[in-house]
Amino acid sequence: MAIGGKKMKKNSQLQNVAIQHFREYSSLYMFIIVLFLMGVICGSIIVNSLSYTQKEDLLYYLSRFFGQVADGQISSSTEMFIESVKHNIQYIGLIWIFGISIIGLPLILVLLFLKGVVIGFTVGFLVSTMGWEGFQIALMAVLPQNIILVPLTIFITVLSVALSINIISRLFFKQVRYPLKPVLIRYIVSFIICVLFITGAGAIEAYFSPLFMQQIVS
């Protein structure tokens, strides 16, 4: 009973922290989510603006890649896992670093927007050129890891923007509402947590998505 009570108390505390976090940054979350969705829409528009020749060229290279997937000629799952984790840590890490710099605020927003553009373009191109099969590939190969990565990107972007605004307010407007040290400690811990989730997303992308793709394209 005592152990169960401790677990319930801990879960309640985590829920309270999460609720307080979302309440504090609700307007910032709204802005970041809208900006990301604008990137997705922009990526879809770029697909529609491509000429027929450009689409055919891209589809040719994509078909060659799918042929390699069907034949099992792609990189090993371990190599894909390492590359996926490395790439996403670099991307999230760049946003994180910009959060503790004075000039990083606009760059954070640009990186988030570009993330949306890439996803929107990828899904839009697959669906527009391959129809139902493209939709299945997007659903099985693009969506699973991004269920983790997209919320993670939005989360770290919100924290980075909030910290950057905090630092700018301290330096230029002399607004000091609370000590900076605890904020920085939570910021570091948040990045470590993000790395753990990125590892999980990398495992999905490397070990599960290729299996789904092979079933679709073979």
C-alpha atoms as a PDB file:
ATOM      1  CA  MET A   1       0.000   0.000   0.000  1.00  0.00           C
ATOM      2  CA  ALA A   2       2.831   2.370   0.897  1.00  0.00           C
ATOM      3  CA  ILE A   3       4.596   1.758  -2.427  1.00  0.00           C
ATOM      4  CA  GLY A   4       1.357   2.230  -4.364  1.00  0.00           C
ATOM      5  CA  GLY A   5       0.675   5.436  -2.468  1.00  0.00           C
ATOM      6  CA  LYS A   6       4.141   6.776  -3.279  1.00  0.00           C
ATOM      7  CA  LYS A   7       3.669   5.986  -6.979  1.00  0.00           C
ATOM      8  CA  MET A   8       0.288   7.722  -7.033  1.00  0.00           C
ATOM      9  CA  LYS A   9       1.758  10.749  -5.261  1.00  0.00           C
ATOM     10  CA  LYS A  10       4.676  10.871  -7.718  1.00  0.00           C
ATOM     11  CA  ASN A  11       2.343  10.600 -10.714  1.00  0.00           C
ATOM     12  CA  SER A  12       0.183  13.357  -9.265  1.00  0.00           C
ATOM     13  CA  GLN A  13       3.230  15.589  -8.845  1.00  0.00           C
ATOM     14  CA  LEU A  14       4.316  14.962 -12.448  1.00  0.00           C
ATOM     15  CA  GLN A  15       0.819  15.775 -13.683  1.00  0.00           C
ATOM     16  CA  ASN A  16       0.817  19.004 -11.690  1.00  0.00           C
ATOM     17  CA  VAL A  17       4.196  19.989 -13.115  1.00  0.00           C
ATOM     18  CA  ALA A  18       3.009  19.234 -16.667  1.00  0.00           C
ATOM     19  CA  ILE A  19      -0.239  21.177 -16.173  1.00  0.00           C
ATOM     20  CA  GLN A  20       1.627  24.140 -14.722  1.00  0.00           C
ATOM     21  CA  HIS A  21       4.110  24.047 -17.597  1.00  0.00           C
ATOM     22  CA  PHE A  22       1.419  24.090 -20.294  1.00  0.00           C
ATOM     23  CA  ARG A  23      -0.503  26.834 -18.507  1.00  0.00           C
ATOM     24  CA  GLU A  24       2.607  28.997 -18.235  1.00  0.00           C
ATOM     25  CA  TYR A  25       3.577  28.573 -21.889  1.00  0.00           C
ATOM     26  CA  SER A  26       0.143  28.039 -23.470  1.00  0.00           C
ATOM     27  CA  SER A  27       0.329  31.116 -25.732  1.00  0.00           C
ATOM     28  CA  LEU A  28       3.871  30.202 -26.795  1.00  0.00           C
ATOM     29  CA  TYR A  29       2.792  26.646 -27.588  1.00  0.00           C
ATOM     30  CA  MET A  30      -0.050  27.997 -29.700  1.00  0.00           C
ATOM     31  CA  PHE A  31       2.327  30.225 -31.667  1.00  0.00           C
ATOM     32  CA  ILE A  32       4.906  27.458 -32.182  1.00  0.00           C
ATOM     33  CA  ILE A  33       2.301  24.895 -33.302  1.00  0.00           C
ATOM     34  CA  VAL A  34       0.788  27.372 -35.783  1.00  0.00           C
ATOM     35  CA  LEU A  35       4.265  28.177 -37.151  1.00  0.00           C
ATOM     36  CA  PHE A  36       5.014  24.463 -37.568  1.00  0.00           C
ATOM     37  CA  LEU A  37       1.716  23.862 -39.360  1.00  0.00           C
ATOM     38  CA  MET A  38       2.481  26.802 -41.650  1.00  0.00           C
ATOM     39  CA  GLY A  39       5.727  25.031 -42.544  1.00  0.00           C
ATOM     40  CA  VAL A  40       3.835  21.810 -43.310  1.00  0.00           C
ATOM     41  CA  ILE A  41       1.392  23.716 -45.541  1.00  0.00           C
ATOM     42  CA  CYS A  42       4.274  25.508 -47.258  1.00  0.00           C
ATOM     43  CA  GLY A  43       5.969  22.165 -47.949  1.00  0.00           C
ATOM     44  CA  SER A  44       2.764  20.856 -49.530  1.00  0.00           C
ATOM     45  CA  ILE A  45       2.481  23.984 -51.679  1.00  0.00           C
ATOM     46  CA  ILE A  46       6.069  23.537 -52.879  1.00  0.00           C
ATOM     47  CA  VAL A  47       5.141  20.040 -54.095  1.00  0.00           C
ATOM     48  CA  ASN A  48       2.252  21.436 -56.141  1.00  0.00           C
ATOM     49  CA  SER A  49       4.521  24.115 -57.618  1.00  0.00           C
ATOM     50  CA  LEU A  50       7.001  21.562 -59.000  1.00  0.00           C
ATOM     51  CA  SER A  51       6.977  21.038 -62.737  1.00  0.00           C
ATOM     52  CA  TYR A  52       6.128  17.679 -64.270  1.00  0.00           C
ATOM     53  CA  THR A  53       9.808  17.075 -65.152  1.00  0.00           C
ATOM     54  CA  GLN A  54      10.959  17.841 -61.615  1.00  0.00           C
ATOM     55  CA  LYS A  55       8.399  15.444 -60.170  1.00  0.00           C
ATOM     56  CA  GLU A  56       9.435  12.730 -62.626  1.00  0.00           C
ATOM     57  CA  ASP A  57      13.114  13.173 -61.705  1.00  0.00           C
ATOM     58  CA  LEU A  58      12.356  12.941 -57.993  1.00  0.00           C
ATOM     59  CA  LEU A  59      10.068   9.973 -58.533  1.00  0.00           C
ATOM     60  CA  TYR A  60      12.822   8.185 -60.496  1.00  0.00           C
ATOM     61  CA  TYR A  61      15.278   8.444 -57.595  1.00  0.00           C
ATOM     62  CA  LEU A  62      12.546   7.534 -55.136  1.00  0.00           C
ATOM     63  CA  SER A  63      11.639   4.449 -57.173  1.00  0.00           C
ATOM     64  CA  ARG A  64      15.288   3.363 -57.183  1.00  0.00           C
ATOM     65  CA  PHE A  65      15.358   3.726 -53.395  1.00  0.00           C
ATOM     66  CA  PHE A  66      12.168   1.694 -53.014  1.00  0.00           C
ATOM     67  CA  GLY A  67      13.690  -0.952 -55.284  1.00  0.00           C
ATOM     68  CA  GLN A  68      16.678  -1.168 -52.958  1.00  0.00           C
ATOM     69  CA  VAL A  69      14.327  -1.424 -49.970  1.00  0.00           C
ATOM     70  CA  ALA A  70      12.390  -4.256 -51.621  1.00  0.00           C
ATOM     71  CA  ASP A  71      15.649  -6.106 -52.377  1.00  0.00           C
ATOM     72  CA  GLY A  72      16.994  -5.531 -48.866  1.00  0.00           C
ATOM     73  CA  GLN A  73      19.928  -3.479 -50.183  1.00  0.00           C
ATOM     74  CA  ILE A  74      19.560  -0.536 -47.784  1.00  0.00           C
ATOM     75  CA  SER A  75      21.958   0.152 -44.923  1.00  0.00           C
ATOM     76  CA  SER A  76      21.849  -2.095 -41.879  1.00  0.00           C
ATOM     77  CA  SER A  77      19.377  -1.263 -39.127  1.00  0.00           C
ATOM     78  CA  THR A  78      22.224  -0.428 -36.742  1.00  0.00           C
ATOM     79  CA  GLU A  79      23.725   2.103 -39.174  1.00  0.00           C
ATOM     80  CA  MET A  80      20.304   3.642 -39.787  1.00  0.00           C
ATOM     81  CA  PHE A  81      19.698   3.838 -36.035  1.00  0.00           C
ATOM     82  CA  ILE A  82      23.015   5.603 -35.401  1.00  0.00           C
ATOM     83  CA  GLU A  83      22.469   8.039 -38.273  1.00  0.00           C
ATOM     84  CA  SER A  84      18.900   8.789 -37.190  1.00  0.00           C
ATOM     85  CA  VAL A  85      19.849   9.439 -33.562  1.00  0.00           C
ATOM     86  CA  LYS A  86      22.888  11.478 -34.601  1.00  0.00           C
ATOM     87  CA  HIS A  87      20.882  13.629 -37.035  1.00  0.00           C
ATOM     88  CA  ASN A  88      18.029  14.314 -34.617  1.00  0.00           C
ATOM     89  CA  ILE A  89      20.315  15.064 -31.681  1.00  0.00           C
ATOM     90  CA  GLN A  90      22.187  17.562 -33.859  1.00  0.00           C
ATOM     91  CA  TYR A  91      18.913  19.179 -34.928  1.00  0.00           C
ATOM     92  CA  ILE A  92      17.419  19.349 -31.411  1.00  0.00           C
ATOM     93  CA  GLY A  93      20.825  20.314 -30.021  1.00  0.00           C
ATOM     94  CA  LEU A  94      21.091  23.235 -32.435  1.00  0.00           C
ATOM     95  CA  ILE A  95      17.713  24.556 -31.304  1.00  0.00           C
ATOM     96  CA  TRP A  96      18.794  24.019 -27.682  1.00  0.00           C
ATOM     97  CA  ILE A  97      22.065  25.929 -28.180  1.00  0.00           C
ATOM     98  CA  PHE A  98      20.289  28.823 -29.913  1.00  0.00           C
ATOM     99  CA  GLY A  99      18.063  29.060 -26.830  1.00  0.00           C
ATOM    100  CA  ILE A 100      20.993  30.159 -24.658  1.00  0.00           C
ATOM    101  CA  SER A 101      22.281  32.703 -27.191  1.00  0.00           C
ATOM    102  CA  ILE A 102      21.089  36.269 -27.715  1.00  0.00           C
ATOM    103  CA  ILE A 103      20.845  36.087 -31.511  1.00  0.00           C
ATOM    104  CA  GLY A 104      19.380  32.585 -31.601  1.00  0.00           C
ATOM    105  CA  LEU A 105      15.683  33.428 -31.293  1.00  0.00           C
ATOM    106  CA  PRO A 106      14.900  33.930 -35.016  1.00  0.00           C
ATOM    107  CA  LEU A 107      17.074  30.930 -35.944  1.00  0.00           C
ATOM    108  CA  ILE A 108      15.061  28.697 -33.603  1.00  0.00           C
ATOM    109  CA  LEU A 109      11.863  29.683 -35.390  1.00  0.00           C
ATOM    110  CA  VAL A 110      13.464  29.138 -38.808  1.00  0.00           C
ATOM    111  CA  LEU A 111      14.590  25.614 -37.852  1.00  0.00           C
ATOM    112  CA  LEU A 112      11.111  24.743 -36.622  1.00  0.00           C
ATOM    113  CA  PHE A 113       9.505  26.103 -39.777  1.00  0.00           C
ATOM    114  CA  LEU A 114      11.923  24.123 -41.966  1.00  0.00           C
ATOM    115  CA  LYS A 115      11.067  20.948 -40.040  1.00  0.00           C
ATOM    116  CA  GLY A 116       7.437  21.501 -40.980  1.00  0.00           C
ATOM    117  CA  VAL A 117       8.386  22.201 -44.607  1.00  0.00           C
ATOM    118  CA  VAL A 118      10.351  18.942 -44.876  1.00  0.00           C
ATOM    119  CA  ILE A 119       7.509  16.857 -43.436  1.00  0.00           C
ATOM    120  CA  GLY A 120       4.890  18.612 -45.559  1.00  0.00           C
ATOM    121  CA  PHE A 121       6.962  18.212 -48.717  1.00  0.00           C
ATOM    122  CA  THR A 122       7.769  14.545 -48.051  1.00  0.00           C
ATOM    123  CA  VAL A 123       4.192  13.499 -47.333  1.00  0.00           C
ATOM    124  CA  GLY A 124       2.769  15.740 -50.068  1.00  0.00           C
ATOM    125  CA  PHE A 125       5.163  14.392 -52.697  1.00  0.00           C
ATOM    126  CA  LEU A 126       4.516  10.759 -51.800  1.00  0.00           C
ATOM    127  CA  VAL A 127       0.749  11.192 -51.932  1.00  0.00           C
ATOM    128  CA  SER A 128       0.666  13.376 -55.063  1.00  0.00           C
ATOM    129  CA  THR A 129       2.940  11.111 -57.137  1.00  0.00           C
ATOM    130  CA  MET A 130       2.126   7.649 -55.788  1.00  0.00           C
ATOM    131  CA  GLY A 131      -1.469   8.013 -54.642  1.00  0.00           C
ATOM    132  CA  TRP A 132      -2.733   5.428 -52.161  1.00  0.00           C
ATOM    133  CA  GLU A 133       0.604   3.586 -52.090  1.00  0.00           C
ATOM    134  CA  GLY A 134       2.369   6.861 -51.286  1.00  0.00           C
ATOM    135  CA  PHE A 135      -0.110   7.511 -48.485  1.00  0.00           C
ATOM    136  CA  GLN A 136       0.621   4.056 -47.050  1.00  0.00           C
ATOM    137  CA  ILE A 137       4.375   4.684 -47.211  1.00  0.00           C
ATOM    138  CA  ALA A 138       3.963   8.065 -45.491  1.00  0.00           C
ATOM    139  CA  LEU A 139       1.780   6.442 -42.845  1.00  0.00           C
ATOM    140  CA  MET A 140       4.189   3.602 -42.133  1.00  0.00           C
ATOM    141  CA  ALA A 141       7.612   5.151 -42.825  1.00  0.00           C
ATOM    142  CA  VAL A 142       7.215   8.853 -41.978  1.00  0.00           C
ATOM    143  CA  LEU A 143       4.533   9.012 -39.296  1.00  0.00           C
ATOM    144  CA  PRO A 144       5.713   6.515 -36.595  1.00  0.00           C
ATOM    145  CA  GLN A 145       8.954   8.243 -35.562  1.00  0.00           C
ATOM    146  CA  ASN A 146       7.466  11.697 -36.069  1.00  0.00           C
ATOM    147  CA  ILE A 147       4.748  10.937 -33.521  1.00  0.00           C
ATOM    148  CA  ILE A 148       7.642  11.262 -31.065  1.00  0.00           C
ATOM    149  CA  LEU A 149       9.892  13.740 -32.872  1.00  0.00           C
ATOM    150  CA  VAL A 150       7.325  16.433 -33.729  1.00  0.00           C
ATOM    151  CA  PRO A 151       5.985  16.935 -30.164  1.00  0.00           C
ATOM    152  CA  LEU A 152       9.583  16.737 -28.930  1.00  0.00           C
ATOM    153  CA  THR A 153      10.659  19.448 -31.385  1.00  0.00           C
ATOM    154  CA  ILE A 154       7.737  21.664 -30.365  1.00  0.00           C
ATOM    155  CA  PHE A 155       8.550  21.113 -26.676  1.00  0.00           C
ATOM    156  CA  ILE A 156      12.249  21.995 -26.955  1.00  0.00           C
ATOM    157  CA  THR A 157      11.429  24.937 -29.244  1.00  0.00           C
ATOM    158  CA  VAL A 158       9.044  26.385 -26.656  1.00  0.00           C
ATOM    159  CA  LEU A 159      11.670  26.037 -23.920  1.00  0.00           C
ATOM    160  CA  SER A 160      14.380  27.523 -26.145  1.00  0.00           C
ATOM    161  CA  VAL A 161      12.262  30.495 -27.184  1.00  0.00           C
ATOM    162  CA  ALA A 162      11.201  31.110 -23.574  1.00  0.00           C
ATOM    163  CA  LEU A 163      14.812  30.998 -22.339  1.00  0.00           C
ATOM    164  CA  SER A 164      16.042  33.222 -25.161  1.00  0.00           C
ATOM    165  CA  ILE A 165      13.344  35.805 -24.366  1.00  0.00           C
ATOM    166  CA  ASN A 166      14.255  35.550 -20.678  1.00  0.00           C
ATOM    167  CA  ILE A 167      17.943  36.223 -21.391  1.00  0.00           C
ATOM    168  CA  ILE A 168      17.137  39.129 -23.725  1.00  0.00           C
ATOM    169  CA  SER A 169      14.822  40.657 -21.088  1.00  0.00           C
ATOM    170  CA  ARG A 170      17.552  40.404 -18.461  1.00  0.00           C
ATOM    171  CA  LEU A 171      20.283  41.905 -20.614  1.00  0.00           C
ATOM    172  CA  PHE A 172      18.431  44.695 -22.413  1.00  0.00           C
ATOM    173  CA  PHE A 173      15.360  45.465 -20.297  1.00  0.00           C
ATOM    174  CA  LYS A 174      16.732  44.540 -16.841  1.00  0.00           C
ATOM    175  CA  GLN A 175      13.659  42.417 -16.120  1.00  0.00           C
ATOM    176  CA  VAL A 176      14.536  39.794 -13.505  1.00  0.00           C
ATOM    177  CA  ARG A 177      11.503  37.813 -12.342  1.00  0.00           C
ATOM    178  CA  TYR A 178      13.319  34.737 -10.954  1.00  0.00           C
ATOM    179  CA  PRO A 179      16.890  33.348 -10.669  1.00  0.00           C
ATOM    180  CA  LEU A 180      18.367  32.091 -13.926  1.00  0.00           C
ATOM    181  CA  LYS A 181      20.314  29.152 -12.470  1.00  0.00           C
ATOM    182  CA  PRO A 182      17.294  26.861 -11.755  1.00  0.00           C
ATOM    183  CA  VAL A 183      15.951  27.670 -15.235  1.00  0.00           C
ATOM    184  CA  LEU A 184      19.241  26.602 -16.830  1.00  0.00           C
ATOM    185  CA  ILE A 185      19.319  23.382 -14.778  1.00  0.00           C
ATOM    186  CA  ARG A 186      15.797  22.479 -15.943  1.00  0.00           C
ATOM    187  CA  TYR A 187      16.857  23.390 -19.478  1.00  0.00           C
ATOM    188  CA  ILE A 188      19.782  20.950 -19.348  1.00  0.00           C
ATOM    189  CA  VAL A 189      17.622  18.191 -17.858  1.00  0.00           C
ATOM    190  CA  SER A 190      15.019  18.763 -20.598  1.00  0.00           C
ATOM    191  CA  PHE A 191      17.662  18.224 -23.279  1.00  0.00           C
ATOM    192  CA  ILE A 192      18.778  14.964 -21.650  1.00  0.00           C
ATOM    193  CA  ILE A 193      15.157  13.769 -21.617  1.00  0.00           C
ATOM    194  CA  CYS A 194      14.847  14.729 -25.293  1.00  0.00           C
ATOM    195  CA  VAL A 195      17.901  12.602 -26.117  1.00  0.00           C
ATOM    196  CA  LEU A 196      16.221   9.578 -24.512  1.00  0.00           C
ATOM    197  CA  PHE A 197      13.073  10.077 -26.597  1.00  0.00           C
ATOM    198  CA  ILE A 198      15.181  10.637 -29.732  1.00  0.00           C
ATOM    199  CA  THR A 199      16.793   7.249 -29.113  1.00  0.00           C
ATOM    200  CA  GLY A 200      13.337   5.658 -29.039  1.00  0.00           C
ATOM    201  CA  ALA A 201      12.328   7.429 -32.256  1.00  0.00           C
ATOM    202  CA  GLY A 202      15.584   6.300 -33.894  1.00  0.00           C
ATOM    203  CA  ALA A 203      14.827   2.687 -32.976  1.00  0.00           C
ATOM    204  CA  ILE A 204      11.390   2.948 -34.598  1.00  0.00           C
ATOM    205  CA  GLU A 205      12.838   4.548 -37.742  1.00  0.00           C
ATOM    206  CA  ALA A 206      15.667   2.016 -38.077  1.00  0.00           C
ATOM    207  CA  TYR A 207      14.090  -1.268 -36.995  1.00  0.00           C
ATOM    208  CA  PHE A 208      10.365  -0.978 -37.707  1.00  0.00           C
ATOM    209  CA  SER A 209       9.770   1.519 -40.538  1.00  0.00           C
ATOM    210  CA  PRO A 210      11.937  -0.385 -43.089  1.00  0.00           C
ATOM    211  CA  LEU A 211       9.937  -3.565 -42.398  1.00  0.00           C
ATOM    212  CA  PHE A 212       6.689  -1.744 -43.097  1.00  0.00           C
ATOM    213  CA  MET A 213       8.154  -0.208 -46.264  1.00  0.00           C
ATOM    214  CA  GLN A 214       9.308  -3.598 -47.538  1.00  0.00           C
ATOM    215  CA  GLN A 215       5.804  -4.990 -47.140  1.00  0.00           C
ATOM    216  CA  ILE A 216       4.326  -2.070 -49.090  1.00  0.00           C
ATOM    217  CA  VAL A 217       6.815  -1.809 -51.991  1.00  0.00           C
ATOM    218  CA  SER A 218       7.490  -5.531 -52.471  1.00  0.00           C
END
